[in-house]
Amino acid sequence: MGHRLSKIYTRTGDAGTTGLGDGSRTSKNSARVAAMGDVDELNSLLGVILCEELPADIRELFTGIQHDLFDLGGEISIPGATLLKATQPARLEAAIDRYNAELGPLKEFILPGGCRSAALVHLARTVCRRAERMTVALAAEEAVSDAGRQYLNRLSDLLFVLGRWLNKSAGGGDVLWQKGKNA
């Protein structure tokens, strides 16, 4: 692969632009850069979650997702590129079905929380939703792969299910919203 970064600071972004994967430059406040940043933030948050005690299958799942998110970030950084495949959102659907099958039906809204790992996964879900919104905003202006948008949509669903699953596996349950609790 060679040396990717031999010098960390280049000063090329001092005027408010950044380089994309195809060598072109764009404003740091563009929808493309915002989407890349949100995907990167989500990937970083998954790295934090991986510092928690997690079952081996969840750890393996999150590690694979990190690689997928890096591919998605690369795809977004290269206008017109397609790096994610249609099978990647489908893989998340299979994981949703697997973990959701172990949960009871959801009858109430739940609050993010419970055990620490579940709370962090709920936080990742909200970051994922933001990344999805920004990717959709980018797609309104420029071409973005269907698989990338679908991947983020399925991932937020998976993170919701895994938040519930982690609470259950820790011996707890969902933190239920109580309408008017402090009224």
C-alpha atoms as a PDB file:
ATOM      1  CA  MET A   1       0.000   0.000   0.000  1.00  0.00           C
ATOM      2  CA  GLY A   2       2.952   2.320   0.474  1.00  0.00           C
ATOM      3  CA  HIS A   3       3.064   5.381   2.672  1.00  0.00           C
ATOM      4  CA  ARG A   4      -0.333   7.071   2.820  1.00  0.00           C
ATOM      5  CA  LEU A   5       0.616  10.007   5.025  1.00  0.00           C
ATOM      6  CA  SER A   6       4.205  11.023   5.242  1.00  0.00           C
ATOM      7  CA  LYS A   7       3.348  14.477   6.547  1.00  0.00           C
ATOM      8  CA  ILE A   8       0.288  15.060   8.712  1.00  0.00           C
ATOM      9  CA  TYR A   9      -0.119  18.793   8.274  1.00  0.00           C
ATOM     10  CA  THR A  10      -0.104  20.128   4.742  1.00  0.00           C
ATOM     11  CA  ARG A  11      -1.566  23.626   5.187  1.00  0.00           C
ATOM     12  CA  THR A  12      -3.674  22.998   2.069  1.00  0.00           C
ATOM     13  CA  GLY A  13      -6.861  23.281   4.117  1.00  0.00           C
ATOM     14  CA  ASP A  14      -6.019  26.612   5.716  1.00  0.00           C
ATOM     15  CA  ALA A  15      -8.271  28.484   3.262  1.00  0.00           C
ATOM     16  CA  GLY A  16     -11.326  26.381   4.208  1.00  0.00           C
ATOM     17  CA  THR A  17     -11.147  23.672   1.561  1.00  0.00           C
ATOM     18  CA  THR A  18     -10.233  20.017   1.762  1.00  0.00           C
ATOM     19  CA  GLY A  19      -9.068  17.414  -0.710  1.00  0.00           C
ATOM     20  CA  LEU A  20     -11.369  14.618  -1.809  1.00  0.00           C
ATOM     21  CA  GLY A  21     -10.329  11.101  -2.742  1.00  0.00           C
ATOM     22  CA  ASP A  22     -10.315  11.935  -6.454  1.00  0.00           C
ATOM     23  CA  GLY A  23      -7.892  14.833  -5.925  1.00  0.00           C
ATOM     24  CA  SER A  24     -10.494  17.588  -6.296  1.00  0.00           C
ATOM     25  CA  ARG A  25     -11.033  20.170  -3.567  1.00  0.00           C
ATOM     26  CA  THR A  26     -14.264  21.256  -1.916  1.00  0.00           C
ATOM     27  CA  SER A  27     -15.360  23.560   0.873  1.00  0.00           C
ATOM     28  CA  LYS A  28     -15.068  22.130   4.367  1.00  0.00           C
ATOM     29  CA  ASN A  29     -18.698  23.115   4.971  1.00  0.00           C
ATOM     30  CA  SER A  30     -20.053  21.159   1.987  1.00  0.00           C
ATOM     31  CA  ALA A  31     -22.647  18.414   2.384  1.00  0.00           C
ATOM     32  CA  ARG A  32     -20.041  15.891   1.195  1.00  0.00           C
ATOM     33  CA  VAL A  33     -17.551  16.824   3.916  1.00  0.00           C
ATOM     34  CA  ALA A  34     -20.321  16.902   6.544  1.00  0.00           C
ATOM     35  CA  ALA A  35     -21.468  13.410   5.524  1.00  0.00           C
ATOM     36  CA  MET A  36     -17.869  12.120   5.614  1.00  0.00           C
ATOM     37  CA  GLY A  37     -17.439  13.643   9.072  1.00  0.00           C
ATOM     38  CA  ASP A  38     -20.643  12.122  10.415  1.00  0.00           C
ATOM     39  CA  VAL A  39     -19.693   8.669   9.117  1.00  0.00           C
ATOM     40  CA  ASP A  40     -16.217   9.096  10.644  1.00  0.00           C
ATOM     41  CA  GLU A  41     -17.744  10.157  13.976  1.00  0.00           C
ATOM     42  CA  LEU A  42     -19.998   7.092  13.943  1.00  0.00           C
ATOM     43  CA  ASN A  43     -17.021   4.852  13.218  1.00  0.00           C
ATOM     44  CA  SER A  44     -15.087   6.466  16.075  1.00  0.00           C
ATOM     45  CA  LEU A  45     -17.999   5.944  18.449  1.00  0.00           C
ATOM     46  CA  LEU A  46     -18.098   2.268  17.509  1.00  0.00           C
ATOM     47  CA  GLY A  47     -14.418   2.199  18.436  1.00  0.00           C
ATOM     48  CA  VAL A  48     -15.350   3.519  21.882  1.00  0.00           C
ATOM     49  CA  ILE A  49     -18.073   0.874  22.196  1.00  0.00           C
ATOM     50  CA  LEU A  50     -15.518  -1.793  21.323  1.00  0.00           C
ATOM     51  CA  CYS A  51     -13.615  -0.757  24.485  1.00  0.00           C
ATOM     52  CA  GLU A  52     -16.556  -2.089  26.528  1.00  0.00           C
ATOM     53  CA  GLU A  53     -17.046  -5.680  27.635  1.00  0.00           C
ATOM     54  CA  LEU A  54     -19.074  -7.184  24.786  1.00  0.00           C
ATOM     55  CA  PRO A  55     -20.010 -10.697  23.730  1.00  0.00           C
ATOM     56  CA  ALA A  56     -17.643 -12.034  21.059  1.00  0.00           C
ATOM     57  CA  ASP A  57     -20.342 -12.097  18.359  1.00  0.00           C
ATOM     58  CA  ILE A  58     -21.247  -8.441  18.975  1.00  0.00           C
ATOM     59  CA  ARG A  59     -17.559  -7.493  18.974  1.00  0.00           C
ATOM     60  CA  GLU A  60     -17.086  -9.251  15.625  1.00  0.00           C
ATOM     61  CA  LEU A  61     -20.225  -7.590  14.229  1.00  0.00           C
ATOM     62  CA  PHE A  62     -19.088  -4.093  15.264  1.00  0.00           C
ATOM     63  CA  THR A  63     -15.587  -4.658  13.904  1.00  0.00           C
ATOM     64  CA  GLY A  64     -17.057  -5.629  10.529  1.00  0.00           C
ATOM     65  CA  ILE A  65     -19.318  -2.582  10.618  1.00  0.00           C
ATOM     66  CA  GLN A  66     -16.295  -0.357  11.248  1.00  0.00           C
ATOM     67  CA  HIS A  67     -14.713  -1.673   8.055  1.00  0.00           C
ATOM     68  CA  ASP A  68     -17.967  -1.097   6.161  1.00  0.00           C
ATOM     69  CA  LEU A  69     -18.170   2.465   7.494  1.00  0.00           C
ATOM     70  CA  PHE A  70     -14.604   3.124   6.376  1.00  0.00           C
ATOM     71  CA  ASP A  71     -15.616   1.892   2.906  1.00  0.00           C
ATOM     72  CA  LEU A  72     -18.657   4.178   3.025  1.00  0.00           C
ATOM     73  CA  GLY A  73     -16.497   7.129   4.040  1.00  0.00           C
ATOM     74  CA  GLY A  74     -14.218   6.353   1.104  1.00  0.00           C
ATOM     75  CA  GLU A  75     -17.197   6.131  -1.202  1.00  0.00           C
ATOM     76  CA  ILE A  76     -18.451   9.534  -0.059  1.00  0.00           C
ATOM     77  CA  SER A  77     -14.967  11.047  -0.402  1.00  0.00           C
ATOM     78  CA  ILE A  78     -14.746  10.058  -4.077  1.00  0.00           C
ATOM     79  CA  PRO A  79     -17.605  11.593  -6.080  1.00  0.00           C
ATOM     80  CA  GLY A  80     -19.315   8.890  -8.142  1.00  0.00           C
ATOM     81  CA  ALA A  81     -17.549   5.991  -6.415  1.00  0.00           C
ATOM     82  CA  THR A  82     -19.355   2.847  -5.286  1.00  0.00           C
ATOM     83  CA  LEU A  83     -17.578   0.749  -2.688  1.00  0.00           C
ATOM     84  CA  LEU A  84     -20.468  -0.774  -0.737  1.00  0.00           C
ATOM     85  CA  LYS A  85     -22.318  -3.706  -2.243  1.00  0.00           C
ATOM     86  CA  ALA A  86     -26.029  -4.466  -2.051  1.00  0.00           C
ATOM     87  CA  THR A  87     -25.177  -7.451   0.165  1.00  0.00           C
ATOM     88  CA  GLN A  88     -23.911  -5.206   2.971  1.00  0.00           C
ATOM     89  CA  PRO A  89     -27.309  -3.748   4.010  1.00  0.00           C
ATOM     90  CA  ALA A  90     -28.739  -7.271   3.673  1.00  0.00           C
ATOM     91  CA  ARG A  91     -26.099  -8.550   6.116  1.00  0.00           C
ATOM     92  CA  LEU A  92     -27.314  -5.963   8.646  1.00  0.00           C
ATOM     93  CA  GLU A  93     -30.912  -7.100   8.092  1.00  0.00           C
ATOM     94  CA  ALA A  94     -29.894 -10.665   8.975  1.00  0.00           C
ATOM     95  CA  ALA A  95     -28.276  -9.403  12.195  1.00  0.00           C
ATOM     96  CA  ILE A  96     -31.398  -7.378  13.041  1.00  0.00           C
ATOM     97  CA  ASP A  97     -33.556 -10.469  12.588  1.00  0.00           C
ATOM     98  CA  ARG A  98     -31.189 -12.601  14.665  1.00  0.00           C
ATOM     99  CA  TYR A  99     -30.974 -10.309  17.705  1.00  0.00           C
ATOM    100  CA  ASN A 100     -34.544  -9.046  17.542  1.00  0.00           C
ATOM    101  CA  ALA A 101     -35.828 -12.640  17.677  1.00  0.00           C
ATOM    102  CA  GLU A 102     -34.476 -12.834  21.241  1.00  0.00           C
ATOM    103  CA  LEU A 103     -36.388  -9.738  22.395  1.00  0.00           C
ATOM    104  CA  GLY A 104     -39.943  -9.353  23.532  1.00  0.00           C
ATOM    105  CA  PRO A 105     -42.370  -7.236  21.548  1.00  0.00           C
ATOM    106  CA  LEU A 106     -41.944  -3.506  21.969  1.00  0.00           C
ATOM    107  CA  LYS A 107     -45.122  -1.993  23.408  1.00  0.00           C
ATOM    108  CA  GLU A 108     -43.799   1.329  24.688  1.00  0.00           C
ATOM    109  CA  PHE A 109     -41.269   3.944  23.643  1.00  0.00           C
ATOM    110  CA  ILE A 110     -37.919   3.404  25.287  1.00  0.00           C
ATOM    111  CA  LEU A 111     -35.343   5.824  26.595  1.00  0.00           C
ATOM    112  CA  PRO A 112     -31.688   5.491  25.696  1.00  0.00           C
ATOM    113  CA  GLY A 113     -29.956   4.004  28.701  1.00  0.00           C
ATOM    114  CA  GLY A 114     -29.711   0.900  30.799  1.00  0.00           C
ATOM    115  CA  CYS A 115     -26.262  -0.613  30.999  1.00  0.00           C
ATOM    116  CA  ARG A 116     -23.290   1.417  29.788  1.00  0.00           C
ATOM    117  CA  SER A 117     -22.755  -0.527  26.551  1.00  0.00           C
ATOM    118  CA  ALA A 118     -26.451  -0.229  25.629  1.00  0.00           C
ATOM    119  CA  ALA A 119     -26.438   3.510  26.346  1.00  0.00           C
ATOM    120  CA  LEU A 120     -23.386   3.935  24.098  1.00  0.00           C
ATOM    121  CA  VAL A 121     -25.048   1.903  21.353  1.00  0.00           C
ATOM    122  CA  HIS A 122     -28.116   4.164  21.597  1.00  0.00           C
ATOM    123  CA  LEU A 123     -25.803   7.164  21.246  1.00  0.00           C
ATOM    124  CA  ALA A 124     -24.274   5.538  18.160  1.00  0.00           C
ATOM    125  CA  ARG A 125     -27.804   5.086  16.783  1.00  0.00           C
ATOM    126  CA  THR A 126     -28.428   8.835  17.009  1.00  0.00           C
ATOM    127  CA  VAL A 127     -25.091   9.621  15.347  1.00  0.00           C
ATOM    128  CA  CYS A 128     -25.958   7.085  12.640  1.00  0.00           C
ATOM    129  CA  ARG A 129     -29.288   8.820  12.017  1.00  0.00           C
ATOM    130  CA  ARG A 130     -27.452  12.135  11.632  1.00  0.00           C
ATOM    131  CA  ALA A 131     -25.003  10.544   9.191  1.00  0.00           C
ATOM    132  CA  GLU A 132     -27.967   9.173   7.257  1.00  0.00           C
ATOM    133  CA  ARG A 133     -29.675  12.587   7.147  1.00  0.00           C
ATOM    134  CA  MET A 134     -26.481  14.228   5.898  1.00  0.00           C
ATOM    135  CA  THR A 135     -25.953  11.516   3.289  1.00  0.00           C
ATOM    136  CA  VAL A 136     -29.521  11.990   2.066  1.00  0.00           C
ATOM    137  CA  ALA A 137     -28.888  15.760   1.892  1.00  0.00           C
ATOM    138  CA  LEU A 138     -25.759  15.068  -0.173  1.00  0.00           C
ATOM    139  CA  ALA A 139     -27.753  12.725  -2.444  1.00  0.00           C
ATOM    140  CA  ALA A 140     -30.158  15.596  -3.167  1.00  0.00           C
ATOM    141  CA  GLU A 141     -27.203  17.494  -4.685  1.00  0.00           C
ATOM    142  CA  GLU A 142     -24.907  14.772  -6.052  1.00  0.00           C
ATOM    143  CA  ALA A 143     -24.900  11.052  -6.779  1.00  0.00           C
ATOM    144  CA  VAL A 144     -24.655   8.784  -3.736  1.00  0.00           C
ATOM    145  CA  SER A 145     -24.999   5.024  -3.937  1.00  0.00           C
ATOM    146  CA  ASP A 146     -28.265   3.427  -2.899  1.00  0.00           C
ATOM    147  CA  ALA A 147     -26.317   0.869  -0.871  1.00  0.00           C
ATOM    148  CA  GLY A 148     -24.671   3.624   1.205  1.00  0.00           C
ATOM    149  CA  ARG A 149     -27.971   5.237   2.141  1.00  0.00           C
ATOM    150  CA  GLN A 150     -29.578   1.859   2.790  1.00  0.00           C
ATOM    151  CA  TYR A 151     -26.627   0.750   4.905  1.00  0.00           C
ATOM    152  CA  LEU A 152     -26.977   3.704   7.280  1.00  0.00           C
ATOM    153  CA  ASN A 153     -30.730   3.179   7.508  1.00  0.00           C
ATOM    154  CA  ARG A 154     -30.339  -0.503   8.400  1.00  0.00           C
ATOM    155  CA  LEU A 155     -27.453   0.226  10.748  1.00  0.00           C
ATOM    156  CA  SER A 156     -29.537   2.619  12.847  1.00  0.00           C
ATOM    157  CA  ASP A 157     -32.213  -0.089  13.114  1.00  0.00           C
ATOM    158  CA  LEU A 158     -29.581  -2.642  14.125  1.00  0.00           C
ATOM    159  CA  LEU A 159     -28.159  -0.297  16.749  1.00  0.00           C
ATOM    160  CA  PHE A 160     -31.653   0.162  18.229  1.00  0.00           C
ATOM    161  CA  VAL A 161     -32.117  -3.603  18.446  1.00  0.00           C
ATOM    162  CA  LEU A 162     -28.628  -4.120  19.884  1.00  0.00           C
ATOM    163  CA  GLY A 163     -29.216  -1.468  22.555  1.00  0.00           C
ATOM    164  CA  ARG A 164     -32.249  -3.449  23.687  1.00  0.00           C
ATOM    165  CA  TRP A 165     -30.386  -6.753  23.363  1.00  0.00           C
ATOM    166  CA  LEU A 166     -27.403  -5.580  25.406  1.00  0.00           C
ATOM    167  CA  ASN A 167     -29.700  -4.413  28.208  1.00  0.00           C
ATOM    168  CA  LYS A 168     -31.439  -7.779  28.220  1.00  0.00           C
ATOM    169  CA  SER A 169     -28.172  -9.719  28.155  1.00  0.00           C
ATOM    170  CA  ALA A 170     -26.910  -7.627  31.093  1.00  0.00           C
ATOM    171  CA  GLY A 171     -29.907  -8.823  33.118  1.00  0.00           C
ATOM    172  CA  GLY A 172     -31.921  -5.644  32.708  1.00  0.00           C
ATOM    173  CA  GLY A 173     -34.505  -4.542  30.256  1.00  0.00           C
ATOM    174  CA  ASP A 174     -35.673  -1.581  28.283  1.00  0.00           C
ATOM    175  CA  VAL A 175     -35.833   1.784  30.004  1.00  0.00           C
ATOM    176  CA  LEU A 176     -39.440   2.693  29.345  1.00  0.00           C
ATOM    177  CA  TRP A 177     -40.637   6.234  28.725  1.00  0.00           C
ATOM    178  CA  GLN A 178     -43.325   7.303  31.172  1.00  0.00           C
ATOM    179  CA  LYS A 179     -45.527   9.986  29.639  1.00  0.00           C
ATOM    180  CA  GLY A 180     -45.991  12.912  31.997  1.00  0.00           C
ATOM    181  CA  LYS A 181     -43.701  11.383  34.626  1.00  0.00           C
ATOM    182  CA  ASN A 182     -42.738  14.776  36.042  1.00  0.00           C
ATOM    183  CA  ALA A 183     -46.030  16.565  35.418  1.00  0.00           C
END
